[in-house]
Amino acid sequence: MKNVEEFKKQLENEKRELEKTLGSIGHKTKVGGKEDWVPSYPDLNPMQSDKSEMADEVEEFENRIGIEGKLEERLDDIHAALKRIEDGTYGICEEGGEQIEPERLRANPAARTCIQHA
């Protein structure tokens, strides 16, 4: 594939941005021998915080859980795409084995399948 290095750069840039964003809402930890991101829980003292403030912080934490999950899923897709580049299988549909359309890869460099199998 002609533009693999270009896609690799895009993927590496997006990986850095995702890790930066994940770092702002959580931290890395080891779970079952695998690195995982966990949202940070607010540092509240129930004796010094009122109920409204605590409720707001719990709601914010719940939002972080949802955001963290989506960002981590995308990060996993990017890791998989970088691994395919390393293995020489990047740009090949995982379902049908044909080349993934260049316009699909431009839209989503981490795509695993062609448009037909999406």
N, C-alpha and C. Protein backbone atom coordinates (compact mmCIF):
# COMPACT_ATOMS: atom_id res chain seq x y z
N MET A 1 0.85 -1.18 0.00
CA MET A 1 0.00 0.00 0.00
C MET A 1 0.89 1.24 0.00
N LYS A 2 0.52 2.17 -0.82
CA LYS A 2 1.35 3.34 -1.11
C LYS A 2 1.50 4.31 0.07
N ASN A 3 0.43 4.58 0.79
CA ASN A 3 0.44 5.63 1.81
C ASN A 3 0.54 5.10 3.24
N VAL A 4 1.09 3.93 3.43
CA VAL A 4 1.12 3.32 4.76
C VAL A 4 1.83 4.23 5.77
N GLU A 5 2.94 4.83 5.39
CA GLU A 5 3.67 5.71 6.31
C GLU A 5 2.83 6.91 6.71
N GLU A 6 2.07 7.43 5.76
CA GLU A 6 1.19 8.57 6.05
C GLU A 6 0.11 8.16 7.06
N PHE A 7 -0.49 6.99 6.84
CA PHE A 7 -1.50 6.49 7.77
C PHE A 7 -0.89 6.20 9.13
N LYS A 8 0.32 5.67 9.15
CA LYS A 8 1.00 5.37 10.41
C LYS A 8 1.20 6.65 11.21
N LYS A 9 1.61 7.72 10.54
CA LYS A 9 1.79 9.01 11.23
C LYS A 9 0.48 9.50 11.82
N GLN A 10 -0.60 9.41 11.02
CA GLN A 10 -1.91 9.83 11.50
C GLN A 10 -2.31 9.02 12.74
N LEU A 11 -2.12 7.71 12.66
CA LEU A 11 -2.48 6.84 13.78
C LEU A 11 -1.66 7.16 15.02
N GLU A 12 -0.37 7.39 14.85
CA GLU A 12 0.49 7.71 16.00
C GLU A 12 0.11 9.05 16.61
N ASN A 13 -0.25 10.03 15.78
CA ASN A 13 -0.69 11.34 16.29
C ASN A 13 -1.99 11.19 17.08
N GLU A 14 -2.93 10.44 16.51
CA GLU A 14 -4.21 10.25 17.20
C GLU A 14 -3.99 9.48 18.51
N LYS A 15 -3.09 8.52 18.50
CA LYS A 15 -2.77 7.75 19.71
C LYS A 15 -2.27 8.68 20.81
N ARG A 16 -1.34 9.58 20.46
CA ARG A 16 -0.82 10.54 21.46
C ARG A 16 -1.94 11.42 22.02
N GLU A 17 -2.80 11.91 21.14
CA GLU A 17 -3.90 12.78 21.58
C GLU A 17 -4.86 12.03 22.50
N LEU A 18 -5.19 10.79 22.13
CA LEU A 18 -6.09 10.00 22.96
C LEU A 18 -5.47 9.73 24.33
N GLU A 19 -4.19 9.38 24.36
CA GLU A 19 -3.53 9.12 25.64
C GLU A 19 -3.48 10.38 26.50
N LYS A 20 -3.29 11.52 25.86
CA LYS A 20 -3.29 12.79 26.60
C LYS A 20 -4.68 13.06 27.19
N THR A 21 -5.71 12.86 26.39
CA THR A 21 -7.07 13.08 26.86
C THR A 21 -7.43 12.09 27.96
N LEU A 22 -7.09 10.82 27.75
CA LEU A 22 -7.35 9.81 28.78
C LEU A 22 -6.62 10.16 30.07
N GLY A 23 -5.41 10.67 29.97
CA GLY A 23 -4.64 11.06 31.15
C GLY A 23 -5.28 12.21 31.91
N SER A 24 -6.06 13.04 31.21
CA SER A 24 -6.71 14.17 31.87
C SER A 24 -7.97 13.76 32.63
N ILE A 25 -8.53 12.58 32.31
CA ILE A 25 -9.75 12.14 33.00
C ILE A 25 -9.54 10.88 33.83
N GLY A 26 -8.34 10.29 33.74
CA GLY A 26 -8.10 9.05 34.48
C GLY A 26 -6.63 8.74 34.57
N HIS A 27 -6.34 7.47 34.82
CA HIS A 27 -4.96 7.02 34.94
C HIS A 27 -4.85 5.57 34.46
N LYS A 28 -3.62 5.18 34.12
CA LYS A 28 -3.36 3.80 33.68
C LYS A 28 -3.19 2.91 34.90
N THR A 29 -3.65 1.68 34.75
CA THR A 29 -3.46 0.68 35.79
C THR A 29 -3.32 -0.68 35.12
N LYS A 30 -2.80 -1.65 35.85
CA LYS A 30 -2.69 -3.02 35.33
C LYS A 30 -3.89 -3.82 35.82
N VAL A 31 -4.59 -4.44 34.88
CA VAL A 31 -5.73 -5.28 35.21
C VAL A 31 -5.52 -6.62 34.51
N GLY A 32 -5.33 -7.67 35.28
CA GLY A 32 -5.13 -8.99 34.70
C GLY A 32 -3.92 -9.06 33.78
N GLY A 33 -2.86 -8.33 34.12
CA GLY A 33 -1.64 -8.34 33.32
C GLY A 33 -1.71 -7.44 32.10
N LYS A 34 -2.83 -6.74 31.91
CA LYS A 34 -3.01 -5.84 30.77
C LYS A 34 -3.18 -4.41 31.27
N GLU A 35 -2.55 -3.47 30.56
CA GLU A 35 -2.73 -2.07 30.94
C GLU A 35 -4.14 -1.63 30.58
N ASP A 36 -4.73 -0.86 31.48
CA ASP A 36 -6.09 -0.38 31.28
C ASP A 36 -6.19 1.04 31.82
N TRP A 37 -7.10 1.81 31.26
CA TRP A 37 -7.35 3.16 31.75
C TRP A 37 -8.55 3.12 32.68
N VAL A 38 -8.46 3.88 33.77
CA VAL A 38 -9.52 3.94 34.76
C VAL A 38 -9.81 5.41 35.03
N PRO A 39 -11.09 5.82 34.97
CA PRO A 39 -11.40 7.22 35.27
C PRO A 39 -11.07 7.56 36.72
N SER A 40 -10.60 8.78 36.95
CA SER A 40 -10.28 9.23 38.31
C SER A 40 -11.55 9.64 39.03
N TYR A 41 -11.67 9.19 40.26
CA TYR A 41 -12.81 9.57 41.07
C TYR A 41 -12.48 10.88 41.78
N PRO A 42 -13.45 11.78 41.90
CA PRO A 42 -13.18 13.06 42.56
C PRO A 42 -12.71 12.86 44.00
N ASP A 43 -11.86 13.75 44.43
CA ASP A 43 -11.29 13.69 45.77
C ASP A 43 -12.18 14.52 46.70
N LEU A 44 -13.22 13.91 47.21
CA LEU A 44 -14.18 14.62 48.05
C LEU A 44 -14.12 14.12 49.49
N ASN A 45 -14.29 15.05 50.39
CA ASN A 45 -14.40 14.71 51.80
C ASN A 45 -15.87 14.89 52.18
N PRO A 46 -16.58 13.80 52.49
CA PRO A 46 -18.01 13.91 52.81
C PRO A 46 -18.30 14.84 53.99
N MET A 47 -17.32 15.04 54.85
CA MET A 47 -17.53 15.92 56.01
C MET A 47 -17.43 17.39 55.63
N GLN A 48 -16.78 17.69 54.50
CA GLN A 48 -16.58 19.08 54.11
C GLN A 48 -17.39 19.47 52.87
N SER A 49 -17.98 18.52 52.18
CA SER A 49 -18.72 18.80 50.96
C SER A 49 -20.22 18.69 51.23
N ASP A 50 -20.99 19.59 50.59
CA ASP A 50 -22.43 19.46 50.76
C ASP A 50 -22.97 18.43 49.77
N LYS A 51 -24.22 18.02 49.97
CA LYS A 51 -24.82 16.96 49.15
C LYS A 51 -24.88 17.34 47.68
N SER A 52 -25.16 18.58 47.39
CA SER A 52 -25.25 19.04 46.00
C SER A 52 -23.90 18.92 45.30
N GLU A 53 -22.85 19.34 45.99
CA GLU A 53 -21.50 19.25 45.42
C GLU A 53 -21.11 17.79 45.19
N MET A 54 -21.45 16.94 46.15
CA MET A 54 -21.13 15.52 46.01
C MET A 54 -21.90 14.90 44.85
N ALA A 55 -23.17 15.27 44.70
CA ALA A 55 -23.98 14.74 43.60
C ALA A 55 -23.40 15.18 42.25
N ASP A 56 -22.96 16.43 42.17
CA ASP A 56 -22.34 16.93 40.93
C ASP A 56 -21.07 16.15 40.60
N GLU A 57 -20.28 15.86 41.61
CA GLU A 57 -19.03 15.12 41.39
C GLU A 57 -19.29 13.68 40.97
N VAL A 58 -20.30 13.06 41.55
CA VAL A 58 -20.66 11.69 41.16
C VAL A 58 -21.15 11.68 39.72
N GLU A 59 -21.95 12.67 39.34
CA GLU A 59 -22.43 12.77 37.96
C GLU A 59 -21.26 12.96 37.00
N GLU A 60 -20.31 13.80 37.37
CA GLU A 60 -19.12 14.03 36.55
C GLU A 60 -18.32 12.74 36.39
N PHE A 61 -18.20 11.97 37.46
CA PHE A 61 -17.49 10.69 37.40
C PHE A 61 -18.20 9.72 36.45
N GLU A 62 -19.53 9.67 36.52
CA GLU A 62 -20.29 8.80 35.61
C GLU A 62 -20.06 9.20 34.15
N ASN A 63 -20.00 10.50 33.89
CA ASN A 63 -19.71 10.97 32.54
C ASN A 63 -18.32 10.54 32.10
N ARG A 64 -17.37 10.62 33.02
CA ARG A 64 -15.99 10.20 32.72
C ARG A 64 -15.92 8.73 32.35
N ILE A 65 -16.72 7.91 33.02
CA ILE A 65 -16.73 6.48 32.73
C ILE A 65 -17.12 6.25 31.27
N GLY A 66 -18.18 6.91 30.83
CA GLY A 66 -18.63 6.75 29.45
C GLY A 66 -17.62 7.24 28.44
N ILE A 67 -17.06 8.41 28.70
CA ILE A 67 -16.05 8.99 27.81
C ILE A 67 -14.81 8.11 27.77
N GLU A 68 -14.36 7.68 28.93
CA GLU A 68 -13.16 6.84 29.01
C GLU A 68 -13.34 5.57 28.20
N GLY A 69 -14.51 4.95 28.29
CA GLY A 69 -14.77 3.72 27.55
C GLY A 69 -14.66 3.90 26.05
N LYS A 70 -15.25 4.98 25.54
CA LYS A 70 -15.20 5.25 24.10
C LYS A 70 -13.78 5.59 23.64
N LEU A 71 -13.08 6.40 24.42
CA LEU A 71 -11.70 6.75 24.05
C LEU A 71 -10.79 5.54 24.09
N GLU A 72 -10.96 4.70 25.09
CA GLU A 72 -10.12 3.50 25.19
C GLU A 72 -10.41 2.52 24.05
N GLU A 73 -11.67 2.43 23.66
CA GLU A 73 -12.03 1.56 22.53
C GLU A 73 -11.34 2.05 21.25
N ARG A 74 -11.35 3.36 21.04
CA ARG A 74 -10.68 3.92 19.86
C ARG A 74 -9.17 3.68 19.95
N LEU A 75 -8.61 3.85 21.13
CA LEU A 75 -7.18 3.62 21.32
C LEU A 75 -6.82 2.16 21.00
N ASP A 76 -7.67 1.23 21.41
CA ASP A 76 -7.45 -0.19 21.08
C ASP A 76 -7.47 -0.41 19.57
N ASP A 77 -8.40 0.26 18.88
CA ASP A 77 -8.46 0.15 17.41
C ASP A 77 -7.17 0.67 16.77
N ILE A 78 -6.65 1.76 17.31
CA ILE A 78 -5.42 2.34 16.78
C ILE A 78 -4.24 1.42 17.04
N HIS A 79 -4.16 0.85 18.23
CA HIS A 79 -3.09 -0.12 18.52
C HIS A 79 -3.15 -1.29 17.54
N ALA A 80 -4.36 -1.78 17.27
CA ALA A 80 -4.53 -2.90 16.34
C ALA A 80 -4.09 -2.51 14.93
N ALA A 81 -4.41 -1.29 14.50
CA ALA A 81 -4.01 -0.83 13.17
C ALA A 81 -2.49 -0.71 13.08
N LEU A 82 -1.86 -0.17 14.12
CA LEU A 82 -0.40 -0.06 14.13
C LEU A 82 0.25 -1.45 14.10
N LYS A 83 -0.36 -2.40 14.76
CA LYS A 83 0.14 -3.79 14.74
C LYS A 83 0.01 -4.37 13.33
N ARG A 84 -1.10 -4.08 12.65
CA ARG A 84 -1.28 -4.57 11.27
C ARG A 84 -0.24 -3.95 10.35
N ILE A 85 0.11 -2.69 10.57
CA ILE A 85 1.17 -2.06 9.77
C ILE A 85 2.47 -2.81 10.00
N GLU A 86 2.77 -3.07 11.26
CA GLU A 86 4.00 -3.79 11.62
C GLU A 86 4.03 -5.20 10.99
N ASP A 87 2.86 -5.86 10.95
CA ASP A 87 2.77 -7.22 10.43
C ASP A 87 2.65 -7.29 8.91
N GLY A 88 2.43 -6.12 8.28
CA GLY A 88 2.28 -6.10 6.82
C GLY A 88 0.89 -6.45 6.34
N THR A 89 -0.10 -6.40 7.23
CA THR A 89 -1.48 -6.73 6.84
C THR A 89 -2.39 -5.51 6.86
N TYR A 90 -1.82 -4.34 7.02
CA TYR A 90 -2.63 -3.11 7.08
C TYR A 90 -3.30 -2.87 5.74
N GLY A 91 -4.56 -2.46 5.79
CA GLY A 91 -5.30 -2.15 4.57
C GLY A 91 -5.97 -3.35 3.94
N ILE A 92 -5.91 -4.49 4.60
CA ILE A 92 -6.57 -5.70 4.10
C ILE A 92 -7.78 -5.98 4.99
N CYS A 93 -8.93 -6.16 4.37
CA CYS A 93 -10.18 -6.40 5.09
C CYS A 93 -10.07 -7.68 5.91
N GLU A 94 -10.41 -7.59 7.19
CA GLU A 94 -10.35 -8.75 8.07
C GLU A 94 -11.47 -9.74 7.79
N GLU A 95 -12.52 -9.31 7.11
CA GLU A 95 -13.64 -10.20 6.80
C GLU A 95 -13.46 -10.92 5.47
N GLY A 96 -13.14 -10.16 4.41
CA GLY A 96 -13.09 -10.75 3.06
C GLY A 96 -11.71 -10.91 2.47
N GLY A 97 -10.71 -10.27 3.08
CA GLY A 97 -9.34 -10.40 2.59
C GLY A 97 -8.98 -9.48 1.44
N GLU A 98 -9.92 -8.66 0.98
CA GLU A 98 -9.60 -7.72 -0.11
C GLU A 98 -9.04 -6.42 0.46
N GLN A 99 -8.52 -5.58 -0.43
CA GLN A 99 -7.97 -4.29 -0.03
C GLN A 99 -9.09 -3.39 0.48
N ILE A 100 -8.82 -2.68 1.56
CA ILE A 100 -9.76 -1.68 2.06
C ILE A 100 -9.62 -0.45 1.18
N GLU A 101 -10.74 0.14 0.81
CA GLU A 101 -10.76 1.29 -0.08
C GLU A 101 -9.96 2.44 0.53
N PRO A 102 -9.12 3.10 -0.29
CA PRO A 102 -8.31 4.23 0.21
C PRO A 102 -9.16 5.33 0.85
N GLU A 103 -10.35 5.60 0.30
CA GLU A 103 -11.20 6.65 0.88
C GLU A 103 -11.69 6.24 2.27
N ARG A 104 -11.89 4.95 2.49
CA ARG A 104 -12.29 4.48 3.83
C ARG A 104 -11.13 4.66 4.81
N LEU A 105 -9.93 4.32 4.38
CA LEU A 105 -8.77 4.49 5.26
C LEU A 105 -8.48 5.97 5.52
N ARG A 106 -8.73 6.82 4.54
CA ARG A 106 -8.54 8.26 4.78
C ARG A 106 -9.54 8.75 5.83
N ALA A 107 -10.77 8.23 5.77
CA ALA A 107 -11.80 8.62 6.73
C ALA A 107 -11.55 8.01 8.11
N ASN A 108 -11.03 6.78 8.12
CA ASN A 108 -10.77 6.07 9.38
C ASN A 108 -9.54 5.19 9.19
N PRO A 109 -8.36 5.73 9.49
CA PRO A 109 -7.13 4.96 9.29
C PRO A 109 -7.06 3.66 10.09
N ALA A 110 -7.91 3.51 11.10
CA ALA A 110 -7.91 2.30 11.92
C ALA A 110 -8.92 1.27 11.43
N ALA A 111 -9.54 1.51 10.27
CA ALA A 111 -10.57 0.59 9.75
C ALA A 111 -10.02 -0.82 9.61
N ARG A 112 -10.83 -1.78 10.03
CA ARG A 112 -10.45 -3.20 9.95
C ARG A 112 -11.07 -3.88 8.74
N THR A 113 -12.13 -3.28 8.21
CA THR A 113 -12.85 -3.91 7.10
C THR A 113 -13.09 -2.93 5.97
N CYS A 114 -13.38 -3.49 4.80
CA CYS A 114 -13.76 -2.66 3.65
C CYS A 114 -15.18 -2.15 3.87
N ILE A 115 -15.64 -1.28 2.98
CA ILE A 115 -16.98 -0.71 3.11
C ILE A 115 -18.04 -1.81 3.07
N GLN A 116 -17.87 -2.78 2.18
CA GLN A 116 -18.85 -3.86 2.03
C GLN A 116 -19.04 -4.64 3.33
N HIS A 117 -17.99 -4.84 4.09
CA HIS A 117 -18.07 -5.63 5.32
C HIS A 117 -18.19 -4.80 6.60
N ALA A 118 -18.35 -3.50 6.44
CA ALA A 118 -18.45 -2.61 7.61
C ALA A 118 -19.76 -2.80 8.35
